[in-house]
Amino acid sequence: MNHNILTRSRLRLVSCTVVVAVVVVVVLVVVVVVVVVAVAAVVAVVIVVVVVVVVLVAAAAEVVIVVAEVVVIVVVMVVVVGSKVAF
């Protein structure tokens, strides 16, 4: 009878240990998944920000180029018209 009680005790202890181990593993897996998803989200946001900045810089450069072209055309026209008026 005493041996039977000890065996039940050990079985309960082993069962509890297995349950705790499974819970710990599940929690660790969930934490790893959450961290991976969070890192992926941060990387995605950084990529989007970089793309937006590159597009804005390219657009600004294009505006500067267009303005420079207009300025060159106006200067050339003024020089040509001024030279015709002078002669």
PDB file of N, CA and C in Angstrom:
ATOM      1  N   MET A   1       0.826  -1.197   0.000  1.00  0.00           N
ATOM      2  CA  MET A   1       0.000   0.000   0.000  1.00  0.00           C
ATOM      3  C   MET A   1       0.863   1.251   0.000  1.00  0.00           C
ATOM      4  N   ASN A   2       1.895   1.261   0.844  1.00  0.00           N
ATOM      5  CA  ASN A   2       2.789   2.400   0.911  1.00  0.00           C
ATOM      6  C   ASN A   2       3.510   2.597  -0.428  1.00  0.00           C
ATOM      7  N   HIS A   3       3.891   1.482  -1.039  1.00  0.00           N
ATOM      8  CA  HIS A   3       4.567   1.558  -2.336  1.00  0.00           C
ATOM      9  C   HIS A   3       3.643   2.161  -3.396  1.00  0.00           C
ATOM     10  N   ASN A   4       2.372   1.836  -3.341  1.00  0.00           N
ATOM     11  CA  ASN A   4       1.387   2.357  -4.282  1.00  0.00           C
ATOM     12  C   ASN A   4       1.249   3.874  -4.129  1.00  0.00           C
ATOM     13  N   ILE A   5       1.257   4.377  -2.910  1.00  0.00           N
ATOM     14  CA  ILE A   5       1.137   5.818  -2.650  1.00  0.00           C
ATOM     15  C   ILE A   5       2.365   6.542  -3.211  1.00  0.00           C
ATOM     16  N   LEU A   6       3.554   5.970  -3.012  1.00  0.00           N
ATOM     17  CA  LEU A   6       4.773   6.590  -3.534  1.00  0.00           C
ATOM     18  C   LEU A   6       4.749   6.623  -5.061  1.00  0.00           C
ATOM     19  N   THR A   7       4.258   5.579  -5.665  1.00  0.00           N
ATOM     20  CA  THR A   7       4.201   5.538  -7.127  1.00  0.00           C
ATOM     21  C   THR A   7       3.256   6.609  -7.650  1.00  0.00           C
ATOM     22  N   ARG A   8       2.109   6.758  -7.013  1.00  0.00           N
ATOM     23  CA  ARG A   8       1.165   7.819  -7.418  1.00  0.00           C
ATOM     24  C   ARG A   8       1.793   9.192  -7.244  1.00  0.00           C
ATOM     25  N   SER A   9       2.498   9.380  -6.165  1.00  0.00           N
ATOM     26  CA  SER A   9       3.175  10.639  -5.901  1.00  0.00           C
ATOM     27  C   SER A   9       4.185  10.959  -7.001  1.00  0.00           C
ATOM     28  N   ARG A  10       4.963   9.949  -7.351  1.00  0.00           N
ATOM     29  CA  ARG A  10       5.959  10.158  -8.407  1.00  0.00           C
ATOM     30  C   ARG A  10       5.284  10.454  -9.741  1.00  0.00           C
ATOM     31  N   LEU A  11       4.219   9.764 -10.033  1.00  0.00           N
ATOM     32  CA  LEU A  11       3.504  10.003 -11.289  1.00  0.00           C
ATOM     33  C   LEU A  11       2.966  11.430 -11.335  1.00  0.00           C
ATOM     34  N   ARG A  12       2.414  11.887 -10.210  1.00  0.00           N
ATOM     35  CA  ARG A  12       1.915  13.266 -10.163  1.00  0.00           C
ATOM     36  C   ARG A  12       3.063  14.261 -10.354  1.00  0.00           C
ATOM     37  N   LEU A  13       4.184  13.993  -9.699  1.00  0.00           N
ATOM     38  CA  LEU A  13       5.345  14.866  -9.818  1.00  0.00           C
ATOM     39  C   LEU A  13       5.848  14.904 -11.260  1.00  0.00           C
ATOM     40  N   VAL A  14       5.923  13.731 -11.886  1.00  0.00           N
ATOM     41  CA  VAL A  14       6.370  13.672 -13.282  1.00  0.00           C
ATOM     42  C   VAL A  14       5.364  14.373 -14.181  1.00  0.00           C
ATOM     43  N   SER A  15       4.091  14.174 -13.931  1.00  0.00           N
ATOM     44  CA  SER A  15       3.049  14.825 -14.731  1.00  0.00           C
ATOM     45  C   SER A  15       3.140  16.341 -14.607  1.00  0.00           C
ATOM     46  N   CYS A  16       3.299  16.807 -13.371  1.00  0.00           N
ATOM     47  CA  CYS A  16       3.424  18.251 -13.155  1.00  0.00           C
ATOM     48  C   CYS A  16       4.675  18.807 -13.838  1.00  0.00           C
ATOM     49  N   THR A  17       5.759  18.063 -13.742  1.00  0.00           N
ATOM     50  CA  THR A  17       7.008  18.500 -14.379  1.00  0.00           C
ATOM     51  C   THR A  17       6.842  18.578 -15.884  1.00  0.00           C
ATOM     52  N   VAL A  18       6.197  17.580 -16.464  1.00  0.00           N
ATOM     53  CA  VAL A  18       5.976  17.581 -17.919  1.00  0.00           C
ATOM     54  C   VAL A  18       5.077  18.743 -18.310  1.00  0.00           C
ATOM     55  N   VAL A  19       4.034  18.997 -17.551  1.00  0.00           N
ATOM     56  CA  VAL A  19       3.119  20.103 -17.858  1.00  0.00           C
ATOM     57  C   VAL A  19       3.857  21.433 -17.780  1.00  0.00           C
ATOM     58  N   VAL A  20       4.656  21.611 -16.734  1.00  0.00           N
ATOM     59  CA  VAL A  20       5.418  22.859 -16.585  1.00  0.00           C
ATOM     60  C   VAL A  20       6.405  23.009 -17.735  1.00  0.00           C
ATOM     61  N   ALA A  21       7.078  21.920 -18.101  1.00  0.00           N
ATOM     62  CA  ALA A  21       8.037  21.981 -19.207  1.00  0.00           C
ATOM     63  C   ALA A  21       7.345  22.350 -20.513  1.00  0.00           C
ATOM     64  N   VAL A  22       6.183  21.765 -20.770  1.00  0.00           N
ATOM     65  CA  VAL A  22       5.435  22.071 -21.989  1.00  0.00           C
ATOM     66  C   VAL A  22       4.997  23.536 -21.988  1.00  0.00           C
ATOM     67  N   VAL A  23       4.512  24.015 -20.855  1.00  0.00           N
ATOM     68  CA  VAL A  23       4.076  25.412 -20.761  1.00  0.00           C
ATOM     69  C   VAL A  23       5.262  26.352 -21.001  1.00  0.00           C
ATOM     70  N   VAL A  24       6.405  26.035 -20.413  1.00  0.00           N
ATOM     71  CA  VAL A  24       7.596  26.877 -20.600  1.00  0.00           C
ATOM     72  C   VAL A  24       8.005  26.894 -22.069  1.00  0.00           C
ATOM     73  N   VAL A  25       7.999  25.740 -22.721  1.00  0.00           N
ATOM     74  CA  VAL A  25       8.367  25.673 -24.138  1.00  0.00           C
ATOM     75  C   VAL A  25       7.383  26.472 -24.982  1.00  0.00           C
ATOM     76  N   VAL A  26       6.097  26.340 -24.708  1.00  0.00           N
ATOM     77  CA  VAL A  26       5.082  27.077 -25.468  1.00  0.00           C
ATOM     78  C   VAL A  26       5.268  28.578 -25.266  1.00  0.00           C
ATOM     79  N   VAL A  27       5.504  29.008 -24.040  1.00  0.00           N
ATOM     80  CA  VAL A  27       5.710  30.437 -23.765  1.00  0.00           C
ATOM     81  C   VAL A  27       6.949  30.944 -24.494  1.00  0.00           C
ATOM     82  N   LEU A  28       8.025  30.162 -24.464  1.00  0.00           N
ATOM     83  CA  LEU A  28       9.245  30.575 -25.171  1.00  0.00           C
ATOM     84  C   LEU A  28       9.004  30.678 -26.673  1.00  0.00           C
ATOM     85  N   VAL A  29       8.280  29.733 -27.238  1.00  0.00           N
ATOM     86  CA  VAL A  29       7.979  29.783 -28.667  1.00  0.00           C
ATOM     87  C   VAL A  29       7.141  31.017 -28.992  1.00  0.00           C
ATOM     88  N   VAL A  30       6.158  31.309 -28.164  1.00  0.00           N
ATOM     89  CA  VAL A  30       5.320  32.493 -28.387  1.00  0.00           C
ATOM     90  C   VAL A  30       6.154  33.757 -28.299  1.00  0.00           C
ATOM     91  N   VAL A  31       7.047  33.832 -27.321  1.00  0.00           N
ATOM     92  CA  VAL A  31       7.897  35.016 -27.173  1.00  0.00           C
ATOM     93  C   VAL A  31       8.798  35.178 -28.393  1.00  0.00           C
ATOM     94  N   VAL A  32       9.384  34.081 -28.858  1.00  0.00           N
ATOM     95  CA  VAL A  32      10.249  34.153 -30.045  1.00  0.00           C
ATOM     96  C   VAL A  32       9.456  34.611 -31.256  1.00  0.00           C
ATOM     97  N   VAL A  33       8.261  34.076 -31.440  1.00  0.00           N
ATOM     98  CA  VAL A  33       7.431  34.473 -32.584  1.00  0.00           C
ATOM     99  C   VAL A  33       7.073  35.948 -32.493  1.00  0.00           C
ATOM    100  N   VAL A  34       6.704  36.419 -31.308  1.00  0.00           N
ATOM    101  CA  VAL A  34       6.354  37.834 -31.137  1.00  0.00           C
ATOM    102  C   VAL A  34       7.555  38.719 -31.435  1.00  0.00           C
ATOM    103  N   VAL A  35       8.729  38.325 -30.957  1.00  0.00           N
ATOM    104  CA  VAL A  35       9.936  39.119 -31.214  1.00  0.00           C
ATOM    105  C   VAL A  35      10.254  39.139 -32.704  1.00  0.00           C
ATOM    106  N   VAL A  36      10.148  37.995 -33.368  1.00  0.00           N
ATOM    107  CA  VAL A  36      10.426  37.939 -34.812  1.00  0.00           C
ATOM    108  C   VAL A  36       9.442  38.812 -35.579  1.00  0.00           C
ATOM    109  N   VAL A  37       8.171  38.746 -35.215  1.00  0.00           N
ATOM    110  CA  VAL A  37       7.163  39.575 -35.891  1.00  0.00           C
ATOM    111  C   VAL A  37       7.429  41.057 -35.632  1.00  0.00           C
ATOM    112  N   ALA A  38       7.798  41.405 -34.408  1.00  0.00           N
ATOM    113  CA  ALA A  38       8.091  42.803 -34.090  1.00  0.00           C
ATOM    114  C   ALA A  38       9.295  43.301 -34.875  1.00  0.00           C
ATOM    115  N   VAL A  39      10.329  42.484 -34.952  1.00  0.00           N
ATOM    116  CA  VAL A  39      11.522  42.877 -35.723  1.00  0.00           C
ATOM    117  C   VAL A  39      11.171  43.023 -37.200  1.00  0.00           C
ATOM    118  N   ALA A  40      10.378  42.114 -37.715  1.00  0.00           N
ATOM    119  CA  ALA A  40       9.963  42.203 -39.119  1.00  0.00           C
ATOM    120  C   ALA A  40       9.144  43.465 -39.367  1.00  0.00           C
ATOM    121  N   ALA A  41       8.283  43.819 -38.431  1.00  0.00           N
ATOM    122  CA  ALA A  41       7.487  45.039 -38.573  1.00  0.00           C
ATOM    123  C   ALA A  41       8.384  46.275 -38.564  1.00  0.00           C
ATOM    124  N   VAL A  42       9.364  46.295 -37.666  1.00  0.00           N
ATOM    125  CA  VAL A  42      10.290  47.438 -37.605  1.00  0.00           C
ATOM    126  C   VAL A  42      11.089  47.537 -38.904  1.00  0.00           C
ATOM    127  N   VAL A  43      11.560  46.401 -39.406  1.00  0.00           N
ATOM    128  CA  VAL A  43      12.313  46.403 -40.662  1.00  0.00           C
ATOM    129  C   VAL A  43      11.431  46.900 -41.811  1.00  0.00           C
ATOM    130  N   ALA A  44      10.181  46.469 -41.837  1.00  0.00           N
ATOM    131  CA  ALA A  44       9.262  46.915 -42.889  1.00  0.00           C
ATOM    132  C   ALA A  44       9.041  48.423 -42.816  1.00  0.00           C
ATOM    133  N   VAL A  45       8.871  48.951 -41.612  1.00  0.00           N
ATOM    134  CA  VAL A  45       8.675  50.396 -41.449  1.00  0.00           C
ATOM    135  C   VAL A  45       9.926  51.145 -41.897  1.00  0.00           C
ATOM    136  N   VAL A  46      11.097  50.643 -41.526  1.00  0.00           N
ATOM    137  CA  VAL A  46      12.347  51.294 -41.934  1.00  0.00           C
ATOM    138  C   VAL A  46      12.478  51.283 -43.456  1.00  0.00           C
ATOM    139  N   ILE A  47      12.138  50.166 -44.082  1.00  0.00           N
ATOM    140  CA  ILE A  47      12.211  50.085 -45.550  1.00  0.00           C
ATOM    141  C   ILE A  47      11.261  51.091 -46.186  1.00  0.00           C
ATOM    142  N   VAL A  48      10.050  51.192 -45.668  1.00  0.00           N
ATOM    143  CA  VAL A  48       9.076  52.145 -46.216  1.00  0.00           C
ATOM    144  C   VAL A  48       9.581  53.578 -46.052  1.00  0.00           C
ATOM    145  N   VAL A  49      10.133  53.891 -44.883  1.00  0.00           N
ATOM    146  CA  VAL A  49      10.650  55.245 -44.648  1.00  0.00           C
ATOM    147  C   VAL A  49      11.798  55.549 -45.603  1.00  0.00           C
ATOM    148  N   VAL A  50      12.699  54.598 -45.785  1.00  0.00           N
ATOM    149  CA  VAL A  50      13.829  54.806 -46.705  1.00  0.00           C
ATOM    150  C   VAL A  50      13.329  55.022 -48.128  1.00  0.00           C
ATOM    151  N   VAL A  51      12.364  54.230 -48.552  1.00  0.00           N
ATOM    152  CA  VAL A  51      11.825  54.387 -49.908  1.00  0.00           C
ATOM    153  C   VAL A  51      11.165  55.751 -50.075  1.00  0.00           C
ATOM    154  N   VAL A  52      10.399  56.170 -49.076  1.00  0.00           N
ATOM    155  CA  VAL A  52       9.740  57.481 -49.150  1.00  0.00           C
ATOM    156  C   VAL A  52      10.774  58.598 -49.209  1.00  0.00           C
ATOM    157  N   VAL A  53      11.808  58.497 -48.387  1.00  0.00           N
ATOM    158  CA  VAL A  53      12.858  59.528 -48.391  1.00  0.00           C
ATOM    159  C   VAL A  53      13.566  59.560 -49.740  1.00  0.00           C
ATOM    160  N   VAL A  54      13.880  58.397 -50.298  1.00  0.00           N
ATOM    161  CA  VAL A  54      14.546  58.349 -51.605  1.00  0.00           C
ATOM    162  C   VAL A  54      13.657  58.968 -52.679  1.00  0.00           C
ATOM    163  N   VAL A  55      12.375  58.648 -52.646  1.00  0.00           N
ATOM    164  CA  VAL A  55      11.456  59.209 -53.641  1.00  0.00           C
ATOM    165  C   VAL A  55      11.363  60.720 -53.483  1.00  0.00           C
ATOM    166  N   LEU A  56      11.275  61.197 -52.237  1.00  0.00           N
ATOM    167  CA  LEU A  56      11.200  62.649 -52.016  1.00  0.00           C
ATOM    168  C   LEU A  56      12.478  63.347 -52.462  1.00  0.00           C
ATOM    169  N   VAL A  57      13.615  62.759 -52.172  1.00  0.00           N
ATOM    170  CA  VAL A  57      14.887  63.354 -52.603  1.00  0.00           C
ATOM    171  C   VAL A  57      14.973  63.368 -54.127  1.00  0.00           C
ATOM    172  N   ALA A  58      14.547  62.287 -54.757  1.00  0.00           N
ATOM    173  CA  ALA A  58      14.564  62.245 -56.228  1.00  0.00           C
ATOM    174  C   ALA A  58      13.625  63.295 -56.813  1.00  0.00           C
ATOM    175  N   ALA A  59      12.453  63.446 -56.198  1.00  0.00           N
ATOM    176  CA  ALA A  59      11.505  64.459 -56.678  1.00  0.00           C
ATOM    177  C   ALA A  59      12.079  65.859 -56.493  1.00  0.00           C
ATOM    178  N   ALA A  60      12.711  66.094 -55.345  1.00  0.00           N
ATOM    179  CA  ALA A  60      13.316  67.398 -55.105  1.00  0.00           C
ATOM    180  C   ALA A  60      14.440  67.654 -56.100  1.00  0.00           C
ATOM    181  N   ALA A  61      15.236  66.643 -56.385  1.00  0.00           N
ATOM    182  CA  ALA A  61      16.317  66.792 -57.369  1.00  0.00           C
ATOM    183  C   ALA A  61      15.740  67.087 -58.745  1.00  0.00           C
ATOM    184  N   GLU A  62      14.646  66.446 -59.082  1.00  0.00           N
ATOM    185  CA  GLU A  62      14.006  66.689 -60.376  1.00  0.00           C
ATOM    186  C   GLU A  62      13.494  68.129 -60.455  1.00  0.00           C
ATOM    187  N   VAL A  63      12.923  68.627 -59.375  1.00  0.00           N
ATOM    188  CA  VAL A  63      12.451  70.015 -59.349  1.00  0.00           C
ATOM    189  C   VAL A  63      13.630  70.969 -59.518  1.00  0.00           C
ATOM    190  N   VAL A  64      14.729  70.693 -58.834  1.00  0.00           N
ATOM    191  CA  VAL A  64      15.916  71.547 -58.963  1.00  0.00           C
ATOM    192  C   VAL A  64      16.427  71.532 -60.392  1.00  0.00           C
ATOM    193  N   ILE A  65      16.432  70.364 -61.024  1.00  0.00           N
ATOM    194  CA  ILE A  65      16.899  70.261 -62.415  1.00  0.00           C
ATOM    195  C   ILE A  65      15.993  71.064 -63.347  1.00  0.00           C
ATOM    196  N   VAL A  66      14.692  70.952 -63.164  1.00  0.00           N
ATOM    197  CA  VAL A  66      13.747  71.684 -64.016  1.00  0.00           C
ATOM    198  C   VAL A  66      13.921  73.184 -63.819  1.00  0.00           C
ATOM    199  N   VAL A  67      14.053  73.624 -62.570  1.00  0.00           N
ATOM    200  CA  VAL A  67      14.247  75.053 -62.301  1.00  0.00           C
ATOM    201  C   VAL A  67      15.551  75.523 -62.932  1.00  0.00           C
ATOM    202  N   ALA A  68      16.605  74.732 -62.828  1.00  0.00           N
ATOM    203  CA  ALA A  68      17.885  75.114 -63.441  1.00  0.00           C
ATOM    204  C   ALA A  68      17.751  75.213 -64.952  1.00  0.00           C
ATOM    205  N   GLU A  69      17.020  74.303 -65.567  1.00  0.00           N
ATOM    206  CA  GLU A  69      16.809  74.368 -67.015  1.00  0.00           C
ATOM    207  C   GLU A  69      16.059  75.636 -67.402  1.00  0.00           C
ATOM    208  N   VAL A  70      15.030  75.965 -66.648  1.00  0.00           N
ATOM    209  CA  VAL A  70      14.261  77.178 -66.932  1.00  0.00           C
ATOM    210  C   VAL A  70      15.153  78.410 -66.784  1.00  0.00           C
ATOM    211  N   VAL A  71      15.969  78.440 -65.732  1.00  0.00           N
ATOM    212  CA  VAL A  71      16.862  79.578 -65.519  1.00  0.00           C
ATOM    213  C   VAL A  71      17.848  79.696 -66.676  1.00  0.00           C
ATOM    214  N   VAL A  72      18.403  78.591 -67.113  1.00  0.00           N
ATOM    215  CA  VAL A  72      19.346  78.617 -68.242  1.00  0.00           C
ATOM    216  C   VAL A  72      18.651  79.127 -69.492  1.00  0.00           C
ATOM    217  N   ILE A  73      17.433  78.642 -69.760  1.00  0.00           N
ATOM    218  CA  ILE A  73      16.693  79.093 -70.953  1.00  0.00           C
ATOM    219  C   ILE A  73      16.421  80.585 -70.877  1.00  0.00           C
ATOM    220  N   VAL A  74      15.991  81.068 -69.719  1.00  0.00           N
ATOM    221  CA  VAL A  74      15.700  82.494 -69.565  1.00  0.00           C
ATOM    222  C   VAL A  74      16.974  83.315 -69.748  1.00  0.00           C
ATOM    223  N   VAL A  75      18.077  82.861 -69.157  1.00  0.00           N
ATOM    224  CA  VAL A  75      19.341  83.597 -69.295  1.00  0.00           C
ATOM    225  C   VAL A  75      19.772  83.635 -70.760  1.00  0.00           C
ATOM    226  N   VAL A  76      19.680  82.515 -71.459  1.00  0.00           N
ATOM    227  CA  VAL A  76      20.052  82.475 -72.878  1.00  0.00           C
ATOM    228  C   VAL A  76      19.158  83.399 -73.685  1.00  0.00           C
ATOM    229  N   MET A  77      17.861  83.389 -73.416  1.00  0.00           N
ATOM    230  CA  MET A  77      16.938  84.273 -74.141  1.00  0.00           C
ATOM    231  C   MET A  77      17.276  85.735 -73.880  1.00  0.00           C
ATOM    232  N   VAL A  78      17.567  86.075 -72.630  1.00  0.00           N
ATOM    233  CA  VAL A  78      17.903  87.453 -72.291  1.00  0.00           C
ATOM    234  C   VAL A  78      19.187  87.869 -73.007  1.00  0.00           C
ATOM    235  N   VAL A  79      20.170  86.975 -73.022  1.00  0.00           N
ATOM    236  CA  VAL A  79      21.434  87.287 -73.697  1.00  0.00           C
ATOM    237  C   VAL A  79      21.215  87.466 -75.192  1.00  0.00           C
ATOM    238  N   VAL A  80      20.425  86.548 -75.798  1.00  0.00           N
ATOM    239  CA  VAL A  80      20.177  86.630 -77.239  1.00  0.00           C
ATOM    240  C   VAL A  80      19.397  87.900 -77.572  1.00  0.00           C
ATOM    241  N   VAL A  81      18.328  88.163 -76.825  1.00  0.00           N
ATOM    242  CA  VAL A  81      17.526  89.365 -77.079  1.00  0.00           C
ATOM    243  C   VAL A  81      18.361  90.619 -76.808  1.00  0.00           C
ATOM    244  N   GLY A  82      19.139  90.602 -75.717  1.00  0.00           N
ATOM    245  CA  GLY A  82      19.990  91.755 -75.402  1.00  0.00           C
ATOM    246  C   GLY A  82      21.027  92.007 -76.476  1.00  0.00           C
ATOM    247  N   SER A  83      21.592  90.949 -77.030  1.00  0.00           N
ATOM    248  CA  SER A  83      22.602  91.135 -78.074  1.00  0.00           C
ATOM    249  C   SER A  83      21.968  91.653 -79.356  1.00  0.00           C
ATOM    250  N   LYS A  84      20.755  91.273 -79.662  1.00  0.00           N
ATOM    251  CA  LYS A  84      20.068  91.771 -80.857  1.00  0.00           C
ATOM    252  C   LYS A  84      19.685  93.228 -80.678  1.00  0.00           C
ATOM    253  N   VAL A  85      19.270  93.574 -79.448  1.00  0.00           N
ATOM    254  CA  VAL A  85      18.901  94.963 -79.177  1.00  0.00           C
ATOM    255  C   VAL A  85      20.151  95.842 -79.242  1.00  0.00           C
ATOM    256  N   ALA A  86      21.254  95.334 -78.750  1.00  0.00           N
ATOM    257  CA  ALA A  86      22.488  96.122 -78.733  1.00  0.00           C
ATOM    258  C   ALA A  86      22.993  96.382 -80.145  1.00  0.00           C
ATOM    259  N   PHE A  87      22.774  95.429 -81.044  1.00  0.00           N
ATOM    260  CA  PHE A  87      23.253  95.632 -82.414  1.00  0.00           C
ATOM    261  C   PHE A  87      22.113  96.168 -83.221  1.00  0.00           C
TER     262      PHE A  87
END
